[in-house]
Amino acid sequence: MRVGVMIGPERGDSARKVGRMIKDVLWAEGAGLDSAWIPQVPTDFDALVAVALMGARTERIELGTAVVPLQAQHPIALARQALSTHAAADGRLALGVGPSHHWIVQDMLGLPYEKPAKFTRDYLDVLDAAFKGPGPVDVENDTFTVHNPLELGPVAPLPVLVAALGPVMLKLAGERADGTVLWMADERAVADHVVPRITKAAEEAGRKAPRIIAGIPVCLCRPSEVDAARERANRILGEAEISPNYQRLLDYGDAKDVGDLCAAGDEKAIAARFRRFADAGVTDLSVRLLPIGEGREELVASKHRTREVLSGLAADFR
């Protein structure tokens, strides 16, 4: 199992975001982590721009989006941006995409949120054609009519990962993509729900075994602080739980909320939780660092302690 870290644009004013994200990815590469995953926060910095910036400052680490909502841009626009970013990152982009949620697409963007799996399938038709370039992109399906010349081509194989939570989307991800990006999936949900469905679909489509990227919060702390870590996870990361998509995914596992997903405790406890995810079939773990403490100094110290453990575990699981 490969171990990576989430690097987000949250917190701080716009002038400081870029410097902080660059600093974080330089740490991740230097610490030997395999990947960095950049969430597309609806209200914040563009994830693909962040990848391009990070790619220009790093040499080895894989840089993934987790994930870009499809409805916000035409597939040709996304293909052009992804191919440009992939080149800027020397072929290290992993493009995570997905149909998002009704509260983003419908409530924030004012766009219809109907038949998201069908929309995603039609969107992938255009991305697939574009990523075979350079050359004309000619696609006609129920959603898109595209006849667009494109002089860009991928500088290296460009993996496409589709956020998939339910059976229909998992089947689509197995048939048409290189894997899936998960959030709010515990070990049982991965082993009993995600892996069998996406793997079967990939096998039937003649594709190689899919990557399964699972995102979890992680906090190094004393056993007596585990409950505080889980409570903090629920307080600062619990907004996504309102989505019916995530609620249905939680029903497939044992976790009731994001706090239950948190790998919290000493190094041995965190390693054991990582092992359970690996045994469930996770190929890539995307860690959301979760510091705890009172005040900035304690939070920073907690973050750095967790980072040190994460670096060691990345080497152990490689």
Protein backbone atom coordinates (compact mmCIF):
# COMPACT_ATOMS: atom_id res chain seq x y z
CA MET A 1 0.00 0.00 0.00
CA ARG A 2 1.31 3.43 -0.97
CA VAL A 3 0.98 6.19 1.61
CA GLY A 4 0.31 9.81 0.72
CA VAL A 5 -0.94 12.98 2.34
CA MET A 6 -3.73 15.47 1.66
CA ILE A 7 -2.56 19.01 1.03
CA GLY A 8 -5.38 21.52 1.00
CA PRO A 9 -5.76 25.26 0.53
CA GLU A 10 -7.87 25.74 3.65
CA ARG A 11 -7.00 28.39 6.20
CA GLY A 12 -5.32 31.73 5.71
CA ASP A 13 -5.58 34.49 3.16
CA SER A 14 -4.96 33.95 -0.55
CA ALA A 15 -1.49 35.52 -0.47
CA ARG A 16 -0.24 32.79 1.89
CA LYS A 17 -1.90 29.71 0.46
CA VAL A 18 0.58 29.00 -2.32
CA GLY A 19 3.63 29.25 -0.09
CA ARG A 20 2.09 26.98 2.52
CA MET A 21 1.05 24.34 -0.01
CA ILE A 22 4.52 24.38 -1.61
CA LYS A 23 6.10 24.00 1.81
CA ASP A 24 3.82 21.07 2.60
CA VAL A 25 4.52 19.20 -0.64
CA LEU A 26 8.28 19.74 -0.31
CA TRP A 27 8.05 18.15 3.14
CA ALA A 28 6.01 15.23 1.73
CA GLU A 29 8.51 14.54 -1.04
CA GLY A 30 11.47 14.87 1.29
CA ALA A 31 9.82 12.58 3.83
CA GLY A 32 9.49 9.83 1.24
CA LEU A 33 5.72 9.86 0.87
CA ASP A 34 4.41 8.38 -2.35
CA SER A 35 1.73 10.92 -3.21
CA ALA A 36 0.01 14.17 -2.34
CA TRP A 37 -3.74 14.58 -2.86
CA ILE A 38 -5.25 18.01 -3.34
CA PRO A 39 -8.97 18.35 -2.59
CA GLN A 40 -11.09 20.67 -4.70
CA VAL A 41 -12.72 22.68 -1.94
CA PRO A 42 -15.85 24.34 -3.43
CA THR A 43 -14.99 27.74 -1.98
CA ASP A 44 -11.24 27.76 -2.40
CA PHE A 45 -8.08 27.36 -4.52
CA ASP A 46 -8.19 25.48 -7.82
CA ALA A 47 -6.79 21.97 -7.33
CA LEU A 48 -5.21 21.63 -10.77
CA VAL A 49 -3.51 25.00 -10.46
CA ALA A 50 -2.16 23.80 -7.11
CA VAL A 51 -0.85 20.61 -8.75
CA ALA A 52 0.89 22.62 -11.47
CA LEU A 53 2.58 24.81 -8.87
CA MET A 54 3.64 21.82 -6.78
CA GLY A 55 4.84 19.95 -9.84
CA ALA A 56 7.19 22.77 -10.74
CA ARG A 57 8.85 22.54 -7.32
CA THR A 58 9.06 18.75 -6.89
CA GLU A 59 10.68 15.91 -8.81
CA ARG A 60 9.26 12.55 -7.74
CA ILE A 61 6.01 12.61 -5.80
CA GLU A 62 2.70 11.80 -7.51
CA LEU A 63 0.21 14.67 -7.39
CA GLY A 64 -3.49 13.88 -7.47
CA THR A 65 -6.77 15.79 -7.40
CA ALA A 66 -9.34 14.47 -4.95
CA VAL A 67 -11.53 15.35 -6.71
CA VAL A 68 -12.49 17.80 -9.48
CA PRO A 69 -16.30 18.09 -9.83
CA LEU A 70 -17.21 17.40 -13.45
CA GLN A 71 -20.25 19.63 -13.82
CA ALA A 72 -18.30 22.85 -13.24
CA GLN A 73 -16.56 22.80 -16.64
CA HIS A 74 -16.94 21.43 -20.17
CA PRO A 75 -14.91 18.22 -20.65
CA ILE A 76 -12.71 19.86 -23.29
CA ALA A 77 -11.85 22.62 -20.83
CA LEU A 78 -10.98 20.06 -18.15
CA ALA A 79 -8.99 17.93 -20.62
CA ARG A 80 -6.97 20.95 -21.73
CA GLN A 81 -6.29 21.99 -18.12
CA ALA A 82 -5.38 18.44 -17.06
CA LEU A 83 -3.02 17.87 -19.99
CA SER A 84 -1.34 21.22 -19.34
CA THR A 85 -1.00 20.44 -15.63
CA HIS A 86 0.31 16.94 -16.38
CA ALA A 87 3.05 18.46 -18.55
CA ALA A 88 3.90 21.06 -15.89
CA ALA A 89 4.24 18.25 -13.34
CA ASP A 90 6.48 16.14 -15.62
CA GLY A 91 3.80 13.49 -16.05
CA ARG A 92 2.99 13.05 -12.36
CA LEU A 93 -0.69 14.04 -12.31
CA ALA A 94 -3.36 11.58 -11.22
CA LEU A 95 -6.66 13.13 -12.27
CA GLY A 96 -9.35 12.41 -9.72
CA VAL A 97 -12.81 13.46 -10.92
CA GLY A 98 -16.38 12.89 -9.86
CA PRO A 99 -20.01 13.96 -10.20
CA SER A 100 -19.87 15.64 -6.77
CA HIS A 101 -22.97 16.14 -4.61
CA HIS A 102 -26.33 17.85 -4.96
CA TRP A 103 -25.43 20.52 -2.40
CA ILE A 104 -22.49 21.61 -4.56
CA VAL A 105 -23.84 21.13 -8.08
CA GLN A 106 -27.44 22.12 -7.51
CA ASP A 107 -27.36 24.43 -4.49
CA MET A 108 -24.05 26.23 -5.15
CA LEU A 109 -23.72 26.13 -8.95
CA GLY A 110 -27.38 26.15 -9.87
CA LEU A 111 -26.93 23.21 -12.25
CA PRO A 112 -29.11 20.12 -12.55
CA TYR A 113 -28.00 17.09 -10.55
CA GLU A 114 -29.73 14.39 -12.51
CA LYS A 115 -28.43 10.94 -13.46
CA PRO A 116 -24.86 11.67 -12.24
CA ALA A 117 -23.56 8.26 -13.36
CA LYS A 118 -24.87 8.75 -16.90
CA PHE A 119 -23.38 12.25 -16.97
CA THR A 120 -20.03 10.88 -15.78
CA ARG A 121 -20.02 8.14 -18.43
CA ASP A 122 -20.70 10.66 -21.21
CA TYR A 123 -18.05 13.00 -19.78
CA LEU A 124 -15.47 10.21 -19.75
CA ASP A 125 -16.15 9.60 -23.46
CA VAL A 126 -14.76 13.08 -24.15
CA LEU A 127 -11.85 12.82 -21.70
CA ASP A 128 -10.84 9.44 -23.11
CA ALA A 129 -10.78 10.82 -26.65
CA ALA A 130 -8.85 13.90 -25.59
CA PHE A 131 -6.25 11.90 -23.64
CA LYS A 132 -5.51 9.78 -26.73
CA GLY A 133 -4.29 12.93 -28.50
CA PRO A 134 -2.91 15.05 -29.86
CA GLY A 135 -5.56 15.12 -32.53
CA PRO A 136 -9.22 15.89 -33.10
CA VAL A 137 -11.70 15.06 -30.34
CA ASP A 138 -14.89 13.81 -32.00
CA VAL A 139 -17.55 12.57 -29.58
CA GLU A 140 -21.31 12.51 -29.87
CA ASN A 141 -23.40 11.04 -27.07
CA ASP A 142 -26.57 11.94 -25.17
CA THR A 143 -24.88 14.78 -23.29
CA PHE A 144 -22.09 16.14 -25.48
CA THR A 145 -21.55 16.87 -29.15
CA VAL A 146 -17.85 17.63 -29.50
CA HIS A 147 -15.76 18.19 -32.62
CA ASN A 148 -12.73 19.95 -31.24
CA PRO A 149 -9.13 20.00 -32.50
CA LEU A 150 -6.63 19.56 -29.70
CA GLU A 151 -2.88 19.81 -30.15
CA LEU A 152 -2.07 18.67 -26.61
CA GLY A 153 -1.27 15.09 -25.75
CA PRO A 154 -0.26 13.41 -22.48
CA VAL A 155 3.48 13.58 -21.78
CA ALA A 156 3.13 10.27 -19.89
CA PRO A 157 0.26 7.91 -19.07
CA LEU A 158 -2.39 9.99 -17.27
CA PRO A 159 -4.38 7.95 -14.74
CA VAL A 160 -8.01 8.92 -14.32
CA LEU A 161 -9.67 8.07 -11.02
CA VAL A 162 -13.43 8.39 -10.52
CA ALA A 163 -14.95 9.12 -7.13
CA ALA A 164 -17.39 6.24 -6.68
CA LEU A 165 -19.48 5.53 -3.61
CA GLY A 166 -22.46 3.47 -4.77
CA PRO A 167 -22.78 0.30 -6.86
CA VAL A 168 -23.51 2.04 -10.17
CA MET A 169 -20.58 4.44 -9.90
CA LEU A 170 -18.23 1.69 -8.73
CA LYS A 171 -19.15 -0.38 -11.77
CA LEU A 172 -18.51 2.63 -13.99
CA ALA A 173 -15.16 3.35 -12.32
CA GLY A 174 -14.06 -0.25 -12.83
CA GLU A 175 -15.12 -0.29 -16.47
CA ARG A 176 -13.81 3.10 -17.53
CA ALA A 177 -11.18 4.43 -15.10
CA ASP A 178 -7.95 3.47 -13.38
CA GLY A 179 -9.52 3.35 -9.94
CA THR A 180 -11.49 5.32 -7.42
CA VAL A 181 -10.96 7.99 -4.75
CA LEU A 182 -12.84 7.45 -1.48
CA TRP A 183 -13.80 9.48 1.55
CA MET A 184 -15.96 8.23 4.44
CA ALA A 185 -15.23 4.55 3.69
CA ASP A 186 -13.99 2.38 6.55
CA GLU A 187 -12.28 -0.99 6.25
CA ARG A 188 -15.48 -3.05 6.04
CA ALA A 189 -17.02 -0.74 3.46
CA VAL A 190 -13.86 -1.06 1.36
CA ALA A 191 -13.55 -4.84 1.69
CA ASP A 192 -17.22 -5.81 1.35
CA HIS A 193 -18.61 -3.06 -0.89
CA VAL A 194 -15.95 -1.18 -2.86
CA VAL A 195 -13.35 -3.81 -3.77
CA PRO A 196 -15.66 -6.56 -5.02
CA ARG A 197 -17.72 -4.26 -7.23
CA ILE A 198 -14.96 -2.20 -8.81
CA THR A 199 -12.64 -5.20 -9.26
CA LYS A 200 -15.32 -7.32 -10.93
CA ALA A 201 -16.20 -4.47 -13.31
CA ALA A 202 -12.53 -3.95 -14.21
CA GLU A 203 -12.00 -7.66 -14.84
CA GLU A 204 -15.08 -7.92 -17.05
CA ALA A 205 -13.92 -4.89 -19.03
CA GLY A 206 -10.46 -6.38 -19.50
CA ARG A 207 -8.79 -3.67 -17.47
CA LYS A 208 -6.00 -4.06 -14.93
CA ALA A 209 -6.73 -4.14 -11.21
CA PRO A 210 -8.03 -0.72 -10.12
CA ARG A 211 -6.35 1.59 -7.66
CA ILE A 212 -8.37 2.29 -4.53
CA ILE A 213 -7.40 5.53 -2.80
CA ALA A 214 -8.92 5.88 0.67
CA GLY A 215 -8.79 9.13 2.62
CA ILE A 216 -8.67 9.05 6.42
CA PRO A 217 -7.76 11.49 9.22
CA VAL A 218 -4.67 10.56 11.25
CA CYS A 219 -3.56 11.87 14.65
CA LEU A 220 -0.60 10.74 16.73
CA CYS A 221 -1.62 11.11 20.37
CA ARG A 222 -1.67 9.41 23.74
CA PRO A 223 -4.35 6.74 24.27
CA SER A 224 -6.09 9.11 26.69
CA GLU A 225 -6.41 11.67 23.86
CA VAL A 226 -8.03 9.41 21.26
CA ASP A 227 -11.56 10.54 22.09
CA ALA A 228 -10.47 14.18 21.80
CA ALA A 229 -8.95 13.48 18.38
CA ARG A 230 -12.14 11.83 17.15
CA GLU A 231 -14.23 14.68 18.50
CA ARG A 232 -12.02 17.19 16.70
CA ALA A 233 -12.36 15.19 13.46
CA ASN A 234 -16.13 15.33 13.77
CA ARG A 235 -16.03 19.05 14.51
CA ILE A 236 -13.81 20.19 11.62
CA LEU A 237 -14.41 17.46 9.01
CA GLY A 238 -17.99 16.43 9.64
CA GLU A 239 -19.74 18.69 7.14
CA ALA A 240 -19.56 16.10 4.36
CA GLU A 241 -21.65 13.70 6.41
CA ILE A 242 -24.78 15.63 5.47
CA SER A 243 -24.50 14.26 1.94
CA PRO A 244 -26.86 11.35 1.24
CA ASN A 245 -24.06 9.83 -0.87
CA TYR A 246 -21.74 9.64 2.14
CA GLN A 247 -24.52 8.48 4.43
CA ARG A 248 -25.19 5.53 2.14
CA LEU A 249 -21.48 4.71 2.04
CA LEU A 250 -21.28 4.77 5.84
CA ASP A 251 -24.12 2.24 5.93
CA TYR A 252 -21.86 -0.29 4.19
CA GLY A 253 -19.34 -0.18 7.03
CA ASP A 254 -19.07 0.07 10.80
CA ALA A 255 -18.12 3.76 11.07
CA LYS A 256 -20.91 6.15 12.00
CA ASP A 257 -19.01 9.36 11.35
CA VAL A 258 -15.63 10.74 10.31
CA GLY A 259 -14.38 10.45 13.88
CA ASP A 260 -14.75 6.67 13.66
CA LEU A 261 -12.58 6.73 10.52
CA CYS A 262 -9.77 8.57 12.30
CA ALA A 263 -6.58 6.58 12.89
CA ALA A 264 -5.73 8.01 16.31
CA GLY A 265 -3.39 6.87 19.04
CA ASP A 266 0.26 5.94 19.35
CA GLU A 267 2.42 4.77 16.45
CA LYS A 268 1.49 1.13 16.99
CA ALA A 269 -2.24 1.92 16.88
CA ILE A 270 -1.91 3.97 13.71
CA ALA A 271 0.15 1.26 12.02
CA ALA A 272 -2.46 -1.34 12.95
CA ARG A 273 -5.23 0.79 11.41
CA PHE A 274 -3.16 1.26 8.26
CA ARG A 275 -2.68 -2.51 8.07
CA ARG A 276 -6.44 -3.08 8.28
CA PHE A 277 -7.00 -0.74 5.35
CA ALA A 278 -4.27 -2.49 3.35
CA ASP A 279 -5.80 -5.88 4.14
CA ALA A 280 -9.20 -4.57 3.02
CA GLY A 281 -7.79 -3.86 -0.44
CA VAL A 282 -6.76 -0.21 -0.29
CA THR A 283 -3.86 0.42 -2.68
CA ASP A 284 -3.22 4.05 -1.69
CA LEU A 285 -3.89 5.77 1.61
CA SER A 286 -4.45 9.53 1.58
CA VAL A 287 -3.81 10.91 5.06
CA ARG A 288 -5.54 14.00 6.37
CA LEU A 289 -3.24 15.19 9.17
CA LEU A 290 -5.34 15.97 12.26
CA PRO A 291 -3.41 17.89 14.92
CA ILE A 292 -4.85 18.37 18.40
CA GLY A 293 -4.01 20.77 21.19
CA GLU A 294 -4.77 24.12 22.74
CA GLY A 295 -3.49 27.06 20.74
CA ARG A 296 -1.31 27.35 17.67
CA GLU A 297 1.95 26.12 19.21
CA GLU A 298 0.42 22.87 20.45
CA LEU A 299 -1.35 22.27 17.14
CA VAL A 300 1.85 22.81 15.16
CA ALA A 301 3.80 20.50 17.47
CA SER A 302 1.09 17.84 17.13
CA LYS A 303 1.18 18.14 13.34
CA HIS A 304 4.95 17.64 13.24
CA ARG A 305 4.83 14.60 15.53
CA THR A 306 2.23 12.98 13.30
CA ARG A 307 4.30 13.83 10.23
CA GLU A 308 7.33 12.01 11.66
CA VAL A 309 5.32 8.86 12.26
CA LEU A 310 3.71 9.08 8.82
CA SER A 311 7.11 9.22 7.15
CA GLY A 312 8.21 6.04 8.87
CA LEU A 313 4.97 4.22 8.07
CA ALA A 314 5.20 5.19 4.41
CA ALA A 315 8.52 3.35 4.20
CA ASP A 316 7.16 0.35 6.13
CA PHE A 317 4.15 -0.13 3.85
CA ARG A 318 5.95 0.40 0.55
